[in-house]
All heavy atoms as atom14 arrays in JSON, in Angstrom:
{
  "sequence": "GITIFSEQANFKYNESEYYLIDTPGHIDFSPDMERAISIMDYAIVI",
  "atom14_mask": [
    [1, 1, 1, 1, 0, 0, 0, 0, 0, 0, 0, 0, 0, 0],
    [1, 1, 1, 1, 1, 1, 1, 1, 0, 0, 0, 0, 0, 0],
    [1, 1, 1, 1, 1, 1, 1, 0, 0, 0, 0, 0, 0, 0],
    [1, 1, 1, 1, 1, 1, 1, 1, 0, 0, 0, 0, 0, 0],
    [1, 1, 1, 1, 1, 1, 1, 1, 1, 1, 1, 0, 0, 0],
    [1, 1, 1, 1, 1, 1, 0, 0, 0, 0, 0, 0, 0, 0],
    [1, 1, 1, 1, 1, 1, 1, 1, 1, 0, 0, 0, 0, 0],
    [1, 1, 1, 1, 1, 1, 1, 1, 1, 0, 0, 0, 0, 0],
    [1, 1, 1, 1, 1, 0, 0, 0, 0, 0, 0, 0, 0, 0],
    [1, 1, 1, 1, 1, 1, 1, 1, 0, 0, 0, 0, 0, 0],
    [1, 1, 1, 1, 1, 1, 1, 1, 1, 1, 1, 0, 0, 0],
    [1, 1, 1, 1, 1, 1, 1, 1, 1, 0, 0, 0, 0, 0],
    [1, 1, 1, 1, 1, 1, 1, 1, 1, 1, 1, 1, 0, 0],
    [1, 1, 1, 1, 1, 1, 1, 1, 0, 0, 0, 0, 0, 0],
    [1, 1, 1, 1, 1, 1, 1, 1, 1, 0, 0, 0, 0, 0],
    [1, 1, 1, 1, 1, 1, 0, 0, 0, 0, 0, 0, 0, 0],
    [1, 1, 1, 1, 1, 1, 1, 1, 1, 0, 0, 0, 0, 0],
    [1, 1, 1, 1, 1, 1, 1, 1, 1, 1, 1, 1, 0, 0],
    [1, 1, 1, 1, 1, 1, 1, 1, 1, 1, 1, 1, 0, 0],
    [1, 1, 1, 1, 1, 1, 1, 1, 0, 0, 0, 0, 0, 0],
    [1, 1, 1, 1, 1, 1, 1, 1, 0, 0, 0, 0, 0, 0],
    [1, 1, 1, 1, 1, 1, 1, 1, 0, 0, 0, 0, 0, 0],
    [1, 1, 1, 1, 1, 1, 1, 0, 0, 0, 0, 0, 0, 0],
    [1, 1, 1, 1, 1, 1, 1, 0, 0, 0, 0, 0, 0, 0],
    [1, 1, 1, 1, 0, 0, 0, 0, 0, 0, 0, 0, 0, 0],
    [1, 1, 1, 1, 1, 1, 1, 1, 1, 1, 0, 0, 0, 0],
    [1, 1, 1, 1, 1, 1, 1, 1, 0, 0, 0, 0, 0, 0],
    [1, 1, 1, 1, 1, 1, 1, 1, 0, 0, 0, 0, 0, 0],
    [1, 1, 1, 1, 1, 1, 1, 1, 1, 1, 1, 0, 0, 0],
    [1, 1, 1, 1, 1, 1, 0, 0, 0, 0, 0, 0, 0, 0],
    [1, 1, 1, 1, 1, 1, 1, 0, 0, 0, 0, 0, 0, 0],
    [1, 1, 1, 1, 1, 1, 1, 1, 0, 0, 0, 0, 0, 0],
    [1, 1, 1, 1, 1, 1, 1, 1, 0, 0, 0, 0, 0, 0],
    [1, 1, 1, 1, 1, 1, 1, 1, 1, 0, 0, 0, 0, 0],
    [1, 1, 1, 1, 1, 1, 1, 1, 1, 1, 1, 0, 0, 0],
    [1, 1, 1, 1, 1, 0, 0, 0, 0, 0, 0, 0, 0, 0],
    [1, 1, 1, 1, 1, 1, 1, 1, 0, 0, 0, 0, 0, 0],
    [1, 1, 1, 1, 1, 1, 0, 0, 0, 0, 0, 0, 0, 0],
    [1, 1, 1, 1, 1, 1, 1, 1, 0, 0, 0, 0, 0, 0],
    [1, 1, 1, 1, 1, 1, 1, 1, 0, 0, 0, 0, 0, 0],
    [1, 1, 1, 1, 1, 1, 1, 1, 0, 0, 0, 0, 0, 0],
    [1, 1, 1, 1, 1, 1, 1, 1, 1, 1, 1, 1, 0, 0],
    [1, 1, 1, 1, 1, 0, 0, 0, 0, 0, 0, 0, 0, 0],
    [1, 1, 1, 1, 1, 1, 1, 1, 0, 0, 0, 0, 0, 0],
    [1, 1, 1, 1, 1, 1, 1, 0, 0, 0, 0, 0, 0, 0],
    [1, 1, 1, 1, 1, 1, 1, 1, 0, 0, 0, 0, 0, 0]
  ],
  "atom14_positions": [
    [[3.91, -0.56, -17.15], [4.52, -1.61, -16.34], [4.96, -1.12, -14.97], [5.84, -1.72, -14.35], [0.0, 0.0, 0.0], [0.0, 0.0, 0.0], [0.0, 0.0, 0.0], [0.0, 0.0, 0.0], [0.0, 0.0, 0.0], [0.0, 0.0, 0.0], [0.0, 0.0, 0.0], [0.0, 0.0, 0.0], [0.0, 0.0, 0.0], [0.0, 0.0, 0.0]],
    [[4.36, -0.01, -14.48], [4.7, 0.51, -13.15], [3.4, 0.85, -12.41], [2.36, 1.09, -13.02], [5.59, 1.76, -13.19], [4.9, 2.9, -13.95], [6.94, 1.44, -13.82], [5.63, 4.23, -13.89], [0.0, 0.0, 0.0], [0.0, 0.0, 0.0], [0.0, 0.0, 0.0], [0.0, 0.0, 0.0], [0.0, 0.0, 0.0], [0.0, 0.0, 0.0]],
    [[3.48, 0.87, -11.08], [2.34, 1.28, -10.27], [2.31, 2.8, -10.2], [3.29, 3.43, -9.8], [2.43, 0.68, -8.85], [2.5, -0.74, -8.96], [1.23, 1.08, -8.01], [0.0, 0.0, 0.0], [0.0, 0.0, 0.0], [0.0, 0.0, 0.0], [0.0, 0.0, 0.0], [0.0, 0.0, 0.0], [0.0, 0.0, 0.0], [0.0, 0.0, 0.0]],
    [[1.18, 3.37, -10.57], [1.03, 4.83, -10.6], [0.08, 5.31, -9.51], [0.27, 6.38, -8.94], [0.53, 5.29, -11.99], [1.59, 4.96, -13.05], [0.21, 6.78, -12.01], [1.11, 5.12, -14.48], [0.0, 0.0, 0.0], [0.0, 0.0, 0.0], [0.0, 0.0, 0.0], [0.0, 0.0, 0.0], [0.0, 0.0, 0.0], [0.0, 0.0, 0.0]],
    [[-0.94, 4.5, -9.21], [-1.94, 4.88, -8.21], [-1.92, 3.88, -7.06], [-1.8, 2.67, -7.28], [-3.34, 4.9, -8.84], [-3.42, 5.65, -10.13], [-3.42, 4.99, -11.35], [-3.47, 7.03, -10.14], [-3.49, 5.67, -12.54], [-3.53, 7.73, -11.34], [-3.54, 7.05, -12.55], [0.0, 0.0, 0.0], [0.0, 0.0, 0.0], [0.0, 0.0, 0.0]],
    [[-2.07, 4.37, -5.84], [-2.21, 3.44, -4.72], [-3.53, 2.68, -4.88], [-4.53, 3.23, -5.32], [-2.19, 4.19, -3.38], [-3.29, 5.05, -3.27], [0.0, 0.0, 0.0], [0.0, 0.0, 0.0], [0.0, 0.0, 0.0], [0.0, 0.0, 0.0], [0.0, 0.0, 0.0], [0.0, 0.0, 0.0], [0.0, 0.0, 0.0], [0.0, 0.0, 0.0]],
    [[-3.5, 1.41, -4.56], [-4.69, 0.57, -4.71], [-4.76, -0.38, -3.52], [-3.74, -0.65, -2.88], [-4.61, -0.2, -6.03], [-5.93, -0.75, -6.5], [-6.99, 0.3, -6.78], [-6.97, 0.9, -7.87], [-7.82, 0.53, -5.88], [0.0, 0.0, 0.0], [0.0, 0.0, 0.0], [0.0, 0.0, 0.0], [0.0, 0.0, 0.0], [0.0, 0.0, 0.0]],
    [[-5.95, -0.9, -3.23], [-6.09, -1.76, -2.07], [-6.76, -3.08, -2.4], [-7.5, -3.2, -3.37], [-6.84, -1.05, -0.95], [-8.33, -0.88, -1.18], [-8.98, -0.1, -0.06], [-8.67, 1.06, 0.18], [-9.9, -0.74, 0.65], [0.0, 0.0, 0.0], [0.0, 0.0, 0.0], [0.0, 0.0, 0.0], [0.0, 0.0, 0.0], [0.0, 0.0, 0.0]],
    [[-6.48, -4.05, -1.56], [-7.14, -5.36, -1.61], [-7.34, -5.8, -0.17], [-6.74, -5.23, 0.75], [-6.3, -6.37, -2.38], [0.0, 0.0, 0.0], [0.0, 0.0, 0.0], [0.0, 0.0, 0.0], [0.0, 0.0, 0.0], [0.0, 0.0, 0.0], [0.0, 0.0, 0.0], [0.0, 0.0, 0.0], [0.0, 0.0, 0.0], [0.0, 0.0, 0.0]],
    [[-8.18, -6.79, 0.05], [-8.31, -7.32, 1.4], [-8.34, -8.84, 1.37], [-8.78, -9.45, 0.39], [-9.53, -6.74, 2.12], [-10.82, -6.97, 1.38], [-11.31, -8.09, 1.32], [-11.39, -5.91, 0.81], [0.0, 0.0, 0.0], [0.0, 0.0, 0.0], [0.0, 0.0, 0.0], [0.0, 0.0, 0.0], [0.0, 0.0, 0.0], [0.0, 0.0, 0.0]],
    [[-7.81, -9.43, 2.43], [-7.79, -10.89, 2.53], [-7.83, -11.3, 3.99], [-7.57, -10.49, 4.9], [-6.57, -11.48, 1.83], [-5.24, -11.05, 2.39], [-4.66, -11.72, 3.47], [-4.54, -9.99, 1.83], [-3.43, -11.34, 3.98], [-3.31, -9.59, 2.34], [-2.75, -10.27, 3.42], [0.0, 0.0, 0.0], [0.0, 0.0, 0.0], [0.0, 0.0, 0.0]],
    [[-8.17, -12.54, 4.23], [-8.19, -13.08, 5.58], [-7.13, -14.16, 5.71], [-6.88, -14.93, 4.78], [-9.58, -13.65, 5.9], [-10.66, -12.58, 5.99], [-12.01, -13.16, 6.37], [-13.06, -12.05, 6.48], [-14.4, -12.57, 6.82], [0.0, 0.0, 0.0], [0.0, 0.0, 0.0], [0.0, 0.0, 0.0], [0.0, 0.0, 0.0], [0.0, 0.0, 0.0]],
    [[-6.52, -14.21, 6.88], [-5.51, -15.23, 7.16], [-5.6, -15.56, 8.64], [-5.49, -14.67, 9.49], [-4.12, -14.73, 6.8], [-3.05, -15.81, 6.89], [-2.82, -16.66, 5.82], [-2.31, -15.97, 8.06], [-1.85, -17.65, 5.9], [-1.34, -16.97, 8.14], [-1.12, -17.8, 7.06], [-0.18, -18.8, 7.15], [0.0, 0.0, 0.0], [0.0, 0.0, 0.0]],
    [[-5.81, -16.83, 8.93], [-6.06, -17.26, 10.31], [-7.19, -16.43, 10.91], [-8.26, -16.36, 10.36], [-4.78, -17.2, 11.14], [-3.78, -18.28, 10.72], [-4.17, -19.29, 10.13], [-2.53, -18.06, 11.01], [0.0, 0.0, 0.0], [0.0, 0.0, 0.0], [0.0, 0.0, 0.0], [0.0, 0.0, 0.0], [0.0, 0.0, 0.0], [0.0, 0.0, 0.0]],
    [[-6.93, -15.76, 12.01], [-7.98, -15.0, 12.68], [-7.96, -13.51, 12.34], [-8.69, -12.73, 12.94], [-7.84, -15.15, 14.21], [-7.88, -16.58, 14.71], [-9.18, -17.27, 14.32], [-10.26, -16.65, 14.48], [-9.13, -18.42, 13.84], [0.0, 0.0, 0.0], [0.0, 0.0, 0.0], [0.0, 0.0, 0.0], [0.0, 0.0, 0.0], [0.0, 0.0, 0.0]],
    [[-7.12, -13.11, 11.39], [-6.96, -11.68, 11.08], [-7.5, -11.33, 9.71], [-7.5, -12.14, 8.78], [-5.48, -11.28, 11.16], [-5.01, -11.34, 12.49], [0.0, 0.0, 0.0], [0.0, 0.0, 0.0], [0.0, 0.0, 0.0], [0.0, 0.0, 0.0], [0.0, 0.0, 0.0], [0.0, 0.0, 0.0], [0.0, 0.0, 0.0], [0.0, 0.0, 0.0]],
    [[-7.98, -10.09, 9.6], [-8.42, -9.54, 8.33], [-7.43, -8.45, 7.92], [-7.16, -7.53, 8.69], [-9.82, -8.96, 8.48], [-10.42, -8.48, 7.16], [-11.87, -8.06, 7.29], [-12.46, -8.32, 8.37], [-12.4, -7.48, 6.34], [0.0, 0.0, 0.0], [0.0, 0.0, 0.0], [0.0, 0.0, 0.0], [0.0, 0.0, 0.0], [0.0, 0.0, 0.0]],
    [[-6.9, -8.58, 6.71], [-5.85, -7.69, 6.24], [-6.35, -6.76, 5.14], [-7.1, -7.18, 4.25], [-4.67, -8.49, 5.69], [-3.86, -9.19, 6.74], [-4.24, -10.44, 7.24], [-2.7, -8.61, 7.25], [-3.49, -11.09, 8.21], [-1.94, -9.25, 8.21], [-2.35, -10.48, 8.69], [-1.61, -11.11, 9.66], [0.0, 0.0, 0.0], [0.0, 0.0, 0.0]],
    [[-5.92, -5.51, 5.21], [-6.09, -4.56, 4.12], [-4.7, -4.28, 3.55], [-3.83, -3.76, 4.25], [-6.74, -3.27, 4.62], [-8.18, -3.46, 5.0], [-8.54, -3.74, 6.31], [-9.19, -3.4, 4.03], [-9.86, -3.94, 6.65], [-10.51, -3.6, 4.37], [-10.84, -3.87, 5.68], [-12.16, -4.08, 6.02], [0.0, 0.0, 0.0], [0.0, 0.0, 0.0]],
    [[-4.51, -4.66, 2.31], [-3.22, -4.49, 1.65], [-3.28, -3.22, 0.79], [-4.17, -3.06, -0.04], [-2.91, -5.71, 0.79], [-1.57, -5.76, 0.06], [-1.14, -7.21, -0.15], [-1.64, -5.07, -1.3], [0.0, 0.0, 0.0], [0.0, 0.0, 0.0], [0.0, 0.0, 0.0], [0.0, 0.0, 0.0], [0.0, 0.0, 0.0], [0.0, 0.0, 0.0]],
    [[-2.33, -2.32, 1.02], [-2.25, -1.07, 0.24], [-0.99, -1.13, -0.63], [0.13, -1.12, -0.12], [-2.18, 0.17, 1.16], [-3.28, 0.14, 2.22], [-2.24, 1.44, 0.32], [-4.67, 0.28, 1.69], [0.0, 0.0, 0.0], [0.0, 0.0, 0.0], [0.0, 0.0, 0.0], [0.0, 0.0, 0.0], [0.0, 0.0, 0.0], [0.0, 0.0, 0.0]],
    [[-1.2, -1.23, -1.93], [-0.09, -1.22, -2.88], [0.19, 0.22, -3.27], [-0.73, 0.97, -3.62], [-0.46, -2.04, -4.11], [0.69, -2.15, -5.1], [1.85, -2.04, -4.68], [0.41, -2.34, -6.3], [0.0, 0.0, 0.0], [0.0, 0.0, 0.0], [0.0, 0.0, 0.0], [0.0, 0.0, 0.0], [0.0, 0.0, 0.0], [0.0, 0.0, 0.0]],
    [[1.45, 0.64, -3.21], [1.79, 2.06, -3.42], [2.68, 2.24, -4.65], [3.41, 1.33, -5.04], [2.52, 2.63, -2.2], [3.78, 1.97, -2.05], [1.69, 2.45, -0.93], [0.0, 0.0, 0.0], [0.0, 0.0, 0.0], [0.0, 0.0, 0.0], [0.0, 0.0, 0.0], [0.0, 0.0, 0.0], [0.0, 0.0, 0.0], [0.0, 0.0, 0.0]],
    [[2.66, 3.45, -5.24], [3.55, 3.73, -6.38], [5.02, 3.67, -5.96], [5.38, 4.06, -4.84], [3.17, 5.16, -6.79], [1.82, 5.4, -6.2], [1.78, 4.58, -4.95], [0.0, 0.0, 0.0], [0.0, 0.0, 0.0], [0.0, 0.0, 0.0], [0.0, 0.0, 0.0], [0.0, 0.0, 0.0], [0.0, 0.0, 0.0], [0.0, 0.0, 0.0]],
    [[5.86, 3.21, -6.89], [7.28, 3.11, -6.58], [8.13, 4.19, -7.22], [9.31, 4.33, -6.87], [0.0, 0.0, 0.0], [0.0, 0.0, 0.0], [0.0, 0.0, 0.0], [0.0, 0.0, 0.0], [0.0, 0.0, 0.0], [0.0, 0.0, 0.0], [0.0, 0.0, 0.0], [0.0, 0.0, 0.0], [0.0, 0.0, 0.0], [0.0, 0.0, 0.0]],
    [[7.54, 4.96, -8.13], [8.31, 6.01, -8.81], [8.25, 7.3, -8.01], [7.21, 7.68, -7.47], [7.77, 6.23, -10.23], [8.69, 7.01, -11.11], [8.83, 8.38, -11.01], [9.54, 6.63, -12.11], [9.71, 8.8, -11.91], [10.15, 7.76, -12.58], [0.0, 0.0, 0.0], [0.0, 0.0, 0.0], [0.0, 0.0, 0.0], [0.0, 0.0, 0.0]],
    [[9.36, 8.01, -7.96], [9.48, 9.24, -7.18], [8.44, 10.28, -7.58], [7.97, 11.06, -6.75], [10.91, 9.83, -7.32], [11.11, 11.02, -6.37], [11.2, 10.21, -8.76], [11.2, 10.67, -4.95], [0.0, 0.0, 0.0], [0.0, 0.0, 0.0], [0.0, 0.0, 0.0], [0.0, 0.0, 0.0], [0.0, 0.0, 0.0], [0.0, 0.0, 0.0]],
    [[8.03, 10.31, -8.85], [7.07, 11.31, -9.31], [5.69, 11.15, -8.7], [4.87, 12.07, -8.74], [6.95, 11.28, -10.84], [8.05, 12.07, -11.52], [9.06, 12.37, -10.85], [7.92, 12.39, -12.71], [0.0, 0.0, 0.0], [0.0, 0.0, 0.0], [0.0, 0.0, 0.0], [0.0, 0.0, 0.0], [0.0, 0.0, 0.0], [0.0, 0.0, 0.0]],
    [[5.42, 9.96, -8.12], [4.11, 9.71, -7.53], [4.2, 9.49, -6.02], [3.34, 8.87, -5.4], [3.47, 8.5, -8.22], [3.48, 8.62, -9.72], [4.38, 7.89, -10.48], [2.64, 9.51, -10.37], [4.43, 8.03, -11.86], [2.68, 9.66, -11.74], [3.58, 8.92, -12.49], [0.0, 0.0, 0.0], [0.0, 0.0, 0.0], [0.0, 0.0, 0.0]],
    [[5.26, 10.07, -5.44], [5.51, 9.9, -4.01], [4.46, 10.52, -3.1], [4.22, 9.99, -2.01], [6.89, 10.46, -3.65], [7.9, 9.7, -4.26], [0.0, 0.0, 0.0], [0.0, 0.0, 0.0], [0.0, 0.0, 0.0], [0.0, 0.0, 0.0], [0.0, 0.0, 0.0], [0.0, 0.0, 0.0], [0.0, 0.0, 0.0], [0.0, 0.0, 0.0]],
    [[3.81, 11.65, -3.46], [2.77, 12.16, -2.56], [1.66, 11.15, -2.29], [1.18, 11.03, -1.16], [2.24, 13.4, -3.3], [3.42, 13.88, -4.1], [4.09, 12.6, -4.55], [0.0, 0.0, 0.0], [0.0, 0.0, 0.0], [0.0, 0.0, 0.0], [0.0, 0.0, 0.0], [0.0, 0.0, 0.0], [0.0, 0.0, 0.0], [0.0, 0.0, 0.0]],
    [[1.26, 10.41, -3.32], [0.25, 9.36, -3.15], [0.76, 8.29, -2.2], [0.05, 7.82, -1.29], [-0.08, 8.76, -4.53], [-1.29, 7.83, -4.49], [-1.86, 7.63, -3.41], [-1.67, 7.3, -5.55], [0.0, 0.0, 0.0], [0.0, 0.0, 0.0], [0.0, 0.0, 0.0], [0.0, 0.0, 0.0], [0.0, 0.0, 0.0], [0.0, 0.0, 0.0]],
    [[2.01, 7.9, -2.39], [2.63, 6.9, -1.51], [2.68, 7.38, -0.07], [2.36, 6.64, 0.87], [4.04, 6.58, -2.02], [4.84, 5.62, -1.18], [5.95, 6.48, -0.02], [7.13, 7.19, -1.14], [0.0, 0.0, 0.0], [0.0, 0.0, 0.0], [0.0, 0.0, 0.0], [0.0, 0.0, 0.0], [0.0, 0.0, 0.0], [0.0, 0.0, 0.0]],
    [[3.05, 8.65, 0.13], [3.16, 9.17, 1.49], [1.8, 9.24, 2.18], [1.68, 8.95, 3.37], [3.81, 10.55, 1.48], [4.07, 11.09, 2.87], [4.85, 12.39, 2.9], [5.26, 12.86, 1.83], [5.03, 12.93, 4.0], [0.0, 0.0, 0.0], [0.0, 0.0, 0.0], [0.0, 0.0, 0.0], [0.0, 0.0, 0.0], [0.0, 0.0, 0.0]],
    [[0.76, 9.61, 1.44], [-0.58, 9.64, 2.04], [-1.01, 8.24, 2.47], [-1.65, 8.07, 3.51], [-1.59, 10.24, 1.05], [-1.41, 11.71, 0.82], [-2.61, 12.3, 0.07], [-2.75, 11.71, -1.25], [-2.17, 12.21, -2.35], [-1.4, 13.28, -2.27], [-2.35, 11.64, -3.52], [0.0, 0.0, 0.0], [0.0, 0.0, 0.0], [0.0, 0.0, 0.0]],
    [[-0.67, 7.24, 1.68], [-1.02, 5.86, 2.03], [-0.28, 5.42, 3.29], [-0.83, 4.7, 4.14], [-0.7, 4.93, 0.86], [0.0, 0.0, 0.0], [0.0, 0.0, 0.0], [0.0, 0.0, 0.0], [0.0, 0.0, 0.0], [0.0, 0.0, 0.0], [0.0, 0.0, 0.0], [0.0, 0.0, 0.0], [0.0, 0.0, 0.0], [0.0, 0.0, 0.0]],
    [[0.97, 5.85, 3.44], [1.75, 5.5, 4.63], [1.04, 5.94, 5.9], [1.08, 5.27, 6.93], [3.16, 6.13, 4.55], [4.03, 5.37, 3.54], [3.85, 6.15, 5.92], [5.39, 5.98, 3.31], [0.0, 0.0, 0.0], [0.0, 0.0, 0.0], [0.0, 0.0, 0.0], [0.0, 0.0, 0.0], [0.0, 0.0, 0.0], [0.0, 0.0, 0.0]],
    [[0.34, 7.07, 5.83], [-0.27, 7.65, 7.03], [-1.38, 6.78, 7.62], [-1.8, 7.03, 8.75], [-0.82, 9.05, 6.71], [-1.97, 8.97, 5.88], [0.0, 0.0, 0.0], [0.0, 0.0, 0.0], [0.0, 0.0, 0.0], [0.0, 0.0, 0.0], [0.0, 0.0, 0.0], [0.0, 0.0, 0.0], [0.0, 0.0, 0.0], [0.0, 0.0, 0.0]],
    [[-1.87, 5.77, 6.9], [-2.93, 4.91, 7.45], [-2.44, 3.47, 7.7], [-3.23, 2.61, 8.09], [-4.17, 4.87, 6.54], [-3.84, 4.2, 5.19], [-4.74, 6.26, 6.35], [-5.05, 3.69, 4.46], [0.0, 0.0, 0.0], [0.0, 0.0, 0.0], [0.0, 0.0, 0.0], [0.0, 0.0, 0.0], [0.0, 0.0, 0.0], [0.0, 0.0, 0.0]],
    [[-1.16, 3.21, 7.5], [-0.65, 1.84, 7.64], [-0.41, 1.46, 9.09], [0.05, 2.26, 9.89], [0.66, 1.69, 6.86], [0.52, 1.83, 5.36], [2.15, 1.75, 4.53], [1.66, 2.18, 2.85], [0.0, 0.0, 0.0], [0.0, 0.0, 0.0], [0.0, 0.0, 0.0], [0.0, 0.0, 0.0], [0.0, 0.0, 0.0], [0.0, 0.0, 0.0]],
    [[-0.73, 0.2, 9.41], [-0.36, -0.37, 10.71], [1.05, -0.96, 10.64], [1.81, -0.88, 11.62], [-1.35, -1.47, 11.12], [-2.74, -0.93, 11.33], [-2.87, 0.15, 11.94], [-3.72, -1.57, 10.88], [0.0, 0.0, 0.0], [0.0, 0.0, 0.0], [0.0, 0.0, 0.0], [0.0, 0.0, 0.0], [0.0, 0.0, 0.0], [0.0, 0.0, 0.0]],
    [[1.37, -1.57, 9.52], [2.71, -2.12, 9.27], [3.05, -1.89, 7.81], [2.17, -1.82, 6.95], [2.76, -3.63, 9.56], [2.67, -3.97, 11.02], [1.43, -4.12, 11.65], [3.82, -4.16, 11.8], [1.33, -4.43, 13.0], [3.74, -4.49, 13.15], [2.49, -4.61, 13.74], [2.41, -4.93, 15.08], [0.0, 0.0, 0.0], [0.0, 0.0, 0.0]],
    [[4.35, -1.76, 7.54], [4.82, -1.58, 6.16], [5.75, -2.72, 5.79], [6.55, -3.18, 6.62], [5.54, -0.25, 6.01], [0.0, 0.0, 0.0], [0.0, 0.0, 0.0], [0.0, 0.0, 0.0], [0.0, 0.0, 0.0], [0.0, 0.0, 0.0], [0.0, 0.0, 0.0], [0.0, 0.0, 0.0], [0.0, 0.0, 0.0], [0.0, 0.0, 0.0]],
    [[5.65, -3.16, 4.55], [6.56, -4.16, 4.0], [7.37, -3.47, 2.9], [6.8, -3.0, 1.91], [5.79, -5.36, 3.43], [4.96, -6.03, 4.53], [6.76, -6.36, 2.8], [3.9, -6.97, 4.01], [0.0, 0.0, 0.0], [0.0, 0.0, 0.0], [0.0, 0.0, 0.0], [0.0, 0.0, 0.0], [0.0, 0.0, 0.0], [0.0, 0.0, 0.0]],
    [[8.66, -3.4, 3.09], [9.54, -2.77, 2.11], [10.26, -3.86, 1.32], [10.93, -4.71, 1.91], [10.57, -1.85, 2.8], [11.54, -1.27, 1.77], [9.86, -0.71, 3.53], [0.0, 0.0, 0.0], [0.0, 0.0, 0.0], [0.0, 0.0, 0.0], [0.0, 0.0, 0.0], [0.0, 0.0, 0.0], [0.0, 0.0, 0.0], [0.0, 0.0, 0.0]],
    [[10.07, -3.83, 0.0], [10.71, -4.82, -0.87], [12.04, -4.26, -1.36], [12.11, -3.13, -1.86], [9.82, -5.14, -2.09], [8.37, -5.41, -1.67], [10.39, -6.31, -2.88], [8.2, -6.6, -0.77], [0.0, 0.0, 0.0], [0.0, 0.0, 0.0], [0.0, 0.0, 0.0], [0.0, 0.0, 0.0], [0.0, 0.0, 0.0], [0.0, 0.0, 0.0]]
  ]
}
């Protein structure tokens, strides 16, 4: 019931094409999360 691996999806909205990167939330998988951060244009923090 937790995200362990970063995963991606893509969608279109209006005139833009989005790549959504879902990242692990547990501290033990933070290196994966940090690598994903390095390619983000914007981040959404929940």
